Amino acid sequence: MRIFFEELFERLDSIELAGEPRRTNSNFVGGVKSVPVKFSFHRGDHDGEHPIGVQASL
């Protein structure tokens, strides 16, 4: 996972929170269930003009 995020962040121009993170409701495993984000790529990798909205589920 670390390598995936390292490579992803190298290609992003910007990334920002697009809403409230959702947390799991569990007594066994607690943490983040999803984090809605907006991001845009560097011009070389994507047109860079239109930020892409993505909801990342962890």
Protein backbone atom coordinates (compact mmCIF):
# COMPACT_ATOMS: atom_id res chain seq x y z
CA MET A 1 0.00 0.00 0.00
CA ARG A 2 2.86 2.38 0.81
CA ILE A 3 4.29 2.11 -2.72
CA PHE A 4 0.84 2.63 -4.25
CA PHE A 5 0.35 5.90 -2.35
CA GLU A 6 3.91 7.09 -3.02
CA GLU A 7 3.39 6.64 -6.77
CA LEU A 8 -0.09 8.19 -6.67
CA PHE A 9 0.98 11.31 -4.76
CA GLU A 10 3.85 11.91 -7.22
CA ARG A 11 1.27 12.24 -10.00
CA LEU A 12 -1.24 14.46 -8.18
CA ASP A 13 -1.26 18.22 -8.50
CA SER A 14 -3.64 18.72 -5.58
CA ILE A 15 -5.77 16.70 -3.20
CA GLU A 16 -8.36 17.98 -0.72
CA LEU A 17 -11.07 16.68 1.54
CA ALA A 18 -14.50 16.74 -0.15
CA GLY A 19 -16.66 15.83 2.83
CA GLU A 20 -16.66 14.23 6.24
CA PRO A 21 -14.74 10.96 6.71
CA ARG A 22 -16.95 8.04 7.74
CA ARG A 23 -15.78 5.75 10.52
CA THR A 24 -16.57 2.09 11.09
CA ASN A 25 -18.95 1.18 13.89
CA SER A 26 -17.23 -1.86 15.29
CA ASN A 27 -15.93 -2.97 18.66
CA PHE A 28 -13.42 -5.29 16.99
CA VAL A 29 -11.78 -3.08 14.35
CA GLY A 30 -12.15 0.68 14.48
CA GLY A 31 -11.04 3.19 11.90
CA VAL A 32 -11.93 5.07 8.77
CA LYS A 33 -14.44 3.47 6.41
CA SER A 34 -14.34 6.07 3.63
CA VAL A 35 -12.84 9.49 2.94
CA PRO A 36 -14.32 11.57 0.11
CA VAL A 37 -11.57 13.53 -1.68
CA LYS A 38 -11.19 15.73 -4.76
CA PHE A 39 -7.93 15.67 -6.68
CA SER A 40 -6.34 16.74 -9.94
CA PHE A 41 -3.42 15.24 -11.83
CA HIS A 42 -0.33 17.00 -13.14
CA ARG A 43 -0.86 18.20 -16.71
CA GLY A 44 1.48 15.54 -18.12
CA ASP A 45 -0.58 12.66 -16.70
CA HIS A 46 -4.08 14.03 -17.26
CA ASP A 47 -5.63 17.15 -18.75
CA GLY A 48 -5.36 18.75 -15.27
CA GLU A 49 -8.28 21.04 -16.00
CA HIS A 50 -11.08 19.09 -14.37
CA PRO A 51 -10.59 17.81 -10.83
CA ILE A 52 -11.87 14.29 -10.46
CA GLY A 53 -14.08 13.52 -7.44
CA VAL A 54 -13.34 10.19 -5.87
CA GLN A 55 -14.53 8.53 -2.71
CA ALA A 56 -11.72 6.38 -1.40
CA SER A 57 -12.89 3.43 0.68
CA LEU A 58 -10.28 2.14 3.06
